[in-house]
């Protein structure tokens, strides 16, 4: 497993596991728990969740999946913007800890920017760090101007990651946001790395996948994983899907592959607003 180094110096897997839309069906519960556990066994020990996902159902699912193996997992969760005040973030974190059945979240993110000032959210995160309830904090869905404001706020330079929508069809961040993060050595966490499955029928991906005896999803993941300071968090709700995602680590894209992907999915030539799903 290739690793990404956080600003603190701690290393985390470059390929993790997402849980958006998980924990919402009792019928799929056992398979989803088994999938997360299989991913942990394969070294995909970074698990991303949020209080929003399934109204807490995803956090409860993750709590069951990591029971007995909490020390192997780098646990990420996120707080709603309307809960990101001084008191609200602390209360929300405590609820998340209860659902996750743990006493500490490794990385706690502001899910997106709301009405609470960023400086106030940072104060809440710092209080949570002092109390041992979180180890690191970061943000999600913050565009370049938001990041600049965050970095200028007291304590804002301690941000560990920015989690954003990033895949072959969502390359706008490459123009300004990603260069800013690289300059500050802040890792980028890419959610929906295969565009929730909508990338799988793209002709360019299918052609390159055939060349590598791989799947289109593996090519899309390999395109992200080849980049420094990028963490991909695909969701997988079945054992076969987990194994497929993990196998993307062994796909090595050539210069020809990358050129074909650039033609099919051109990089940005101007600033564009950050996209969200």
Protein backbone atom coordinates (compact mmCIF):
# COMPACT_ATOMS: atom_id res chain seq x y z
CA UNK A 1 0.00 0.00 0.00
CA UNK A 2 1.40 3.37 -1.02
CA UNK A 3 1.06 6.00 1.67
CA UNK A 4 0.42 9.74 1.82
CA UNK A 5 2.07 11.91 4.45
CA UNK A 6 -0.11 14.29 6.42
CA UNK A 7 1.29 17.68 7.50
CA UNK A 8 1.88 16.16 10.95
CA UNK A 9 4.22 13.58 9.41
CA UNK A 10 1.80 10.70 9.95
CA UNK A 11 1.36 8.37 6.99
CA UNK A 12 -2.02 7.10 5.78
CA UNK A 13 -3.02 4.81 2.90
CA UNK A 14 -3.36 6.43 -0.52
CA UNK A 15 -6.36 4.17 -1.16
CA UNK A 16 -9.06 4.15 1.48
CA UNK A 17 -12.75 3.29 1.74
CA UNK A 18 -15.73 5.59 1.47
CA UNK A 19 -19.16 4.96 3.02
CA UNK A 20 -21.53 7.42 1.34
CA UNK A 21 -24.91 5.67 0.81
CA UNK A 22 -23.90 2.83 3.14
CA UNK A 23 -25.66 2.01 6.39
CA UNK A 24 -29.06 2.78 4.87
CA UNK A 25 -30.41 -0.76 4.34
CA UNK A 26 -30.80 -3.54 6.90
CA UNK A 27 -30.76 -6.03 4.03
CA UNK A 28 -27.29 -4.93 2.91
CA UNK A 29 -25.90 -4.44 6.43
CA UNK A 30 -23.97 -7.70 6.76
CA UNK A 31 -22.43 -7.41 3.29
CA UNK A 32 -21.38 -3.81 3.92
CA UNK A 33 -19.72 -4.70 7.23
CA UNK A 34 -17.92 -7.62 5.57
CA UNK A 35 -16.77 -5.39 2.71
CA UNK A 36 -15.24 -2.82 5.04
CA UNK A 37 -13.51 -5.55 7.01
CA UNK A 38 -12.14 -7.10 3.82
CA UNK A 39 -10.78 -3.72 2.80
CA UNK A 40 -9.05 -3.35 6.16
CA UNK A 41 -7.46 -6.77 5.67
CA UNK A 42 -6.16 -5.61 2.27
CA UNK A 43 -4.53 -2.53 3.77
CA UNK A 44 -7.26 -0.03 2.89
CA UNK A 45 -7.36 1.02 6.52
CA UNK A 46 -8.45 4.63 6.02
CA UNK A 47 -12.25 4.68 6.34
CA UNK A 48 -14.21 7.84 5.60
CA UNK A 49 -17.70 8.48 6.93
CA UNK A 50 -19.87 11.38 8.17
CA UNK A 51 -22.71 12.16 10.54
CA UNK A 52 -24.75 13.00 7.43
CA UNK A 53 -24.46 9.59 5.78
CA UNK A 54 -27.62 7.63 6.46
CA UNK A 55 -28.43 10.01 9.33
CA UNK A 56 -25.66 8.37 11.33
CA UNK A 57 -26.28 4.89 9.95
CA UNK A 58 -22.94 4.82 8.14
CA UNK A 59 -21.08 5.68 11.33
CA UNK A 60 -22.88 2.88 13.17
CA UNK A 61 -21.96 0.51 10.33
CA UNK A 62 -18.31 1.55 10.52
CA UNK A 63 -18.38 1.09 14.29
CA UNK A 64 -19.39 -2.53 13.83
CA UNK A 65 -16.87 -3.11 11.06
CA UNK A 66 -13.92 -1.84 13.11
CA UNK A 67 -14.88 -3.56 16.37
CA UNK A 68 -11.85 -5.47 17.61
CA UNK A 69 -9.56 -3.85 15.03
CA UNK A 70 -9.83 -0.16 15.87
CA UNK A 71 -6.06 0.15 16.25
CA UNK A 72 -5.58 -0.83 12.59
CA UNK A 73 -7.89 1.86 11.22
CA UNK A 74 -7.42 5.55 10.42
CA UNK A 75 -10.94 6.81 11.03
CA UNK A 76 -12.31 9.90 9.28
CA UNK A 77 -15.68 11.51 9.95
CA UNK A 78 -17.33 14.83 9.16
CA UNK A 79 -19.49 17.38 10.92
CA UNK A 80 -22.46 19.18 9.34
CA UNK A 81 -21.84 22.90 8.73
CA UNK A 82 -24.77 23.84 10.95
CA UNK A 83 -23.17 21.83 13.78
CA UNK A 84 -19.72 23.39 13.34
CA UNK A 85 -19.99 26.06 16.05
CA UNK A 86 -17.92 26.06 19.26
CA UNK A 87 -20.47 24.04 21.18
CA UNK A 88 -22.18 22.37 18.25
CA UNK A 89 -19.08 20.68 16.87
CA UNK A 90 -18.19 19.24 20.27
CA UNK A 91 -21.69 17.84 20.76
CA UNK A 92 -21.77 16.46 17.20
CA UNK A 93 -18.39 14.82 17.65
CA UNK A 94 -19.54 13.14 20.85
CA UNK A 95 -22.57 11.73 19.04
CA UNK A 96 -20.33 10.45 16.25
CA UNK A 97 -17.98 8.83 18.75
CA UNK A 98 -20.93 7.03 20.30
CA UNK A 99 -22.16 5.74 16.95
CA UNK A 100 -18.63 4.71 15.94
CA UNK A 101 -18.14 3.02 19.31
CA UNK A 102 -14.73 4.59 19.80
CA UNK A 103 -13.21 7.26 22.01
CA UNK A 104 -11.28 9.11 19.31
CA UNK A 105 -11.65 10.07 15.63
CA UNK A 106 -8.35 10.25 13.78
CA UNK A 107 -9.42 12.99 11.36
CA UNK A 108 -12.50 15.19 11.79
CA UNK A 109 -13.63 17.32 8.85
CA UNK A 110 -15.95 20.26 8.31
CA UNK A 111 -18.26 18.71 5.68
CA UNK A 112 -18.72 21.93 3.71
CA UNK A 113 -18.75 25.61 4.48
CA UNK A 114 -21.86 27.03 6.12
CA UNK A 115 -22.75 30.11 8.13
CA UNK A 116 -20.44 29.45 11.09
CA UNK A 117 -17.18 31.42 10.73
CA UNK A 118 -14.21 29.22 9.89
CA UNK A 119 -12.28 30.65 12.85
CA UNK A 120 -15.00 29.45 15.23
CA UNK A 121 -14.95 25.95 13.75
CA UNK A 122 -11.18 25.84 14.14
CA UNK A 123 -11.56 26.77 17.82
CA UNK A 124 -14.00 23.88 18.29
CA UNK A 125 -11.66 21.46 16.54
CA UNK A 126 -8.75 22.59 18.69
CA UNK A 127 -10.85 22.03 21.82
CA UNK A 128 -11.67 18.53 20.60
CA UNK A 129 -7.97 17.88 20.04
CA UNK A 130 -7.09 19.06 23.53
CA UNK A 131 -9.71 16.73 25.01
CA UNK A 132 -8.36 13.78 23.00
CA UNK A 133 -11.58 13.24 21.05
CA UNK A 134 -9.96 13.91 17.68
CA UNK A 135 -6.33 13.67 16.56
CA UNK A 136 -6.33 15.81 13.41
CA UNK A 137 -8.84 18.11 11.75
CA UNK A 138 -9.48 19.11 8.16
CA UNK A 139 -12.08 20.37 5.74
CA UNK A 140 -14.18 19.17 2.84
CA UNK A 141 -15.59 20.94 -0.22
CA UNK A 142 -13.61 24.16 0.37
CA UNK A 143 -12.67 26.01 -2.81
CA UNK A 144 -9.47 27.99 -3.29
CA UNK A 145 -10.78 31.24 -1.78
CA UNK A 146 -12.18 29.38 1.24
CA UNK A 147 -8.85 27.64 1.72
CA UNK A 148 -6.98 30.93 1.54
CA UNK A 149 -9.26 32.36 4.22
CA UNK A 150 -8.86 29.25 6.35
CA UNK A 151 -5.07 29.33 6.13
CA UNK A 152 -5.04 32.97 7.25
CA UNK A 153 -7.26 32.30 10.28
CA UNK A 154 -5.67 31.62 13.68
CA UNK A 155 -4.70 27.93 13.74
CA UNK A 156 -5.84 27.42 10.16
CA UNK A 157 -2.40 26.30 9.07
CA UNK A 158 -2.94 23.08 11.02
CA UNK A 159 -5.49 21.81 8.48
CA UNK A 160 -4.65 18.20 7.60
CA UNK A 161 -6.58 17.61 4.34
CA UNK A 162 -9.20 19.03 2.01
CA UNK A 163 -11.67 16.41 0.77
CA UNK A 164 -13.22 17.35 -2.56
CA UNK A 165 -14.95 15.90 -5.59
CA UNK A 166 -12.17 14.86 -7.96
CA UNK A 167 -12.13 12.42 -10.84
CA UNK A 168 -11.51 12.40 -14.58
CA UNK A 169 -14.71 14.31 -15.29
CA UNK A 170 -14.21 16.81 -12.43
CA UNK A 171 -10.76 18.25 -13.03
CA UNK A 172 -11.46 21.92 -12.33
CA UNK A 173 -9.44 21.83 -9.10
CA UNK A 174 -6.26 21.25 -11.10
CA UNK A 175 -6.24 24.91 -12.19
CA UNK A 176 -5.89 26.59 -8.81
CA UNK A 177 -7.07 24.60 -5.77
CA UNK A 178 -4.79 21.60 -6.19
CA UNK A 179 -1.69 23.78 -6.80
CA UNK A 180 -2.48 25.73 -3.61
CA UNK A 181 -2.76 22.52 -1.61
CA UNK A 182 0.49 21.20 -3.04
CA UNK A 183 2.30 24.42 -2.19
CA UNK A 184 1.18 24.04 1.42
CA UNK A 185 1.78 20.24 1.49
CA UNK A 186 -1.89 19.62 2.28
CA UNK A 187 -3.13 16.27 0.93
CA UNK A 188 -6.22 16.16 -1.24
CA UNK A 189 -8.81 13.46 -0.50
CA UNK A 190 -10.81 12.58 -3.62
CA UNK A 191 -14.41 11.49 -3.12
CA UNK A 192 -16.56 9.88 -5.84
CA UNK A 193 -13.39 8.89 -7.75
CA UNK A 194 -15.37 7.02 -10.42
CA UNK A 195 -18.23 9.56 -10.47
CA UNK A 196 -20.58 7.15 -8.67
CA UNK A 197 -20.19 4.65 -11.50
CA UNK A 198 -20.97 7.07 -14.33
CA UNK A 199 -17.40 6.86 -15.64
CA UNK A 200 -17.49 3.14 -16.27
CA UNK A 201 -18.85 3.29 -19.83
CA UNK A 202 -16.46 5.98 -21.07
CA UNK A 203 -14.88 4.69 -24.31
CA UNK A 204 -11.38 5.93 -23.42
CA UNK A 205 -11.46 4.15 -20.07
CA UNK A 206 -12.71 0.94 -21.65
CA UNK A 207 -9.98 1.01 -24.30
CA UNK A 208 -7.20 1.59 -21.78
CA UNK A 209 -8.68 -1.01 -19.43
CA UNK A 210 -8.55 -3.64 -22.18
CA UNK A 211 -4.91 -2.75 -22.81
CA UNK A 212 -4.07 -3.37 -19.14
CA UNK A 213 -6.43 -6.32 -18.65
CA UNK A 214 -8.12 -4.21 -16.02
CA UNK A 215 -11.53 -2.65 -15.48
CA UNK A 216 -12.56 0.94 -16.26
CA UNK A 217 -12.94 1.59 -12.53
CA UNK A 218 -9.37 0.46 -11.93
CA UNK A 219 -8.09 2.82 -14.62
CA UNK A 220 -10.01 5.74 -13.10
CA UNK A 221 -8.57 4.93 -9.67
CA UNK A 222 -5.05 4.39 -11.03
CA UNK A 223 -5.21 7.84 -12.64
CA UNK A 224 -5.77 9.35 -9.18
CA UNK A 225 -3.41 7.07 -7.29
CA UNK A 226 -0.46 7.95 -9.53
CA UNK A 227 -0.53 11.48 -8.13
CA UNK A 228 1.41 12.59 -5.10
CA UNK A 229 -0.59 13.84 -2.12
CA UNK A 230 -3.91 12.42 -3.40
CA UNK A 231 -5.97 9.97 -1.34
CA UNK A 232 -8.82 8.14 -3.11
CA UNK A 233 -11.82 6.91 -1.12
CA UNK A 234 -14.05 4.77 -3.36
CA UNK A 235 -17.06 3.07 -1.85
CA UNK A 236 -17.42 -0.69 -2.17
CA UNK A 237 -20.40 -2.60 -0.81
CA UNK A 238 -19.34 -6.08 -1.93
CA UNK A 239 -16.22 -8.21 -1.52
CA UNK A 240 -15.69 -8.35 -5.29
CA UNK A 241 -15.83 -4.57 -5.52
CA UNK A 242 -13.34 -4.18 -2.67
CA UNK A 243 -10.93 -6.54 -4.40
CA UNK A 244 -11.40 -4.69 -7.70
CA UNK A 245 -10.58 -1.36 -6.06
CA UNK A 246 -7.52 -2.77 -4.32
CA UNK A 247 -6.17 -4.21 -7.58
CA UNK A 248 -6.04 -0.67 -9.02
CA UNK A 249 -2.88 -0.19 -6.96
CA UNK A 250 -1.01 -2.48 -9.36
CA UNK A 251 -2.11 -0.68 -12.54
CA UNK A 252 0.71 1.48 -13.93
CA UNK A 253 -0.52 3.93 -16.54
CA UNK A 254 1.79 4.78 -19.44
CA UNK A 255 2.42 8.17 -21.03
CA UNK A 256 0.22 7.01 -23.91
CA UNK A 257 -2.58 6.17 -21.48
CA UNK A 258 -2.33 9.56 -19.79
CA UNK A 259 -2.31 11.39 -23.11
CA UNK A 260 -5.44 9.53 -24.22
CA UNK A 261 -7.16 10.35 -20.94
CA UNK A 262 -6.26 14.02 -21.32
CA UNK A 263 -7.81 14.05 -24.78
CA UNK A 264 -10.97 12.37 -23.54
CA UNK A 265 -11.13 14.35 -20.28
CA UNK A 266 -9.30 17.64 -20.88
CA UNK A 267 -7.67 19.43 -17.94
CA UNK A 268 -9.02 22.92 -17.15
CA UNK A 269 -7.66 26.00 -18.91
CA UNK A 270 -9.38 28.51 -16.61
CA UNK A 271 -10.62 28.81 -13.05
CA UNK A 272 -13.94 27.09 -12.39
CA UNK A 273 -16.04 26.91 -9.20
CA UNK A 274 -15.51 23.83 -7.08
CA UNK A 275 -18.04 21.15 -7.95
CA UNK A 276 -19.94 19.10 -5.36
CA UNK A 277 -22.21 16.08 -5.39
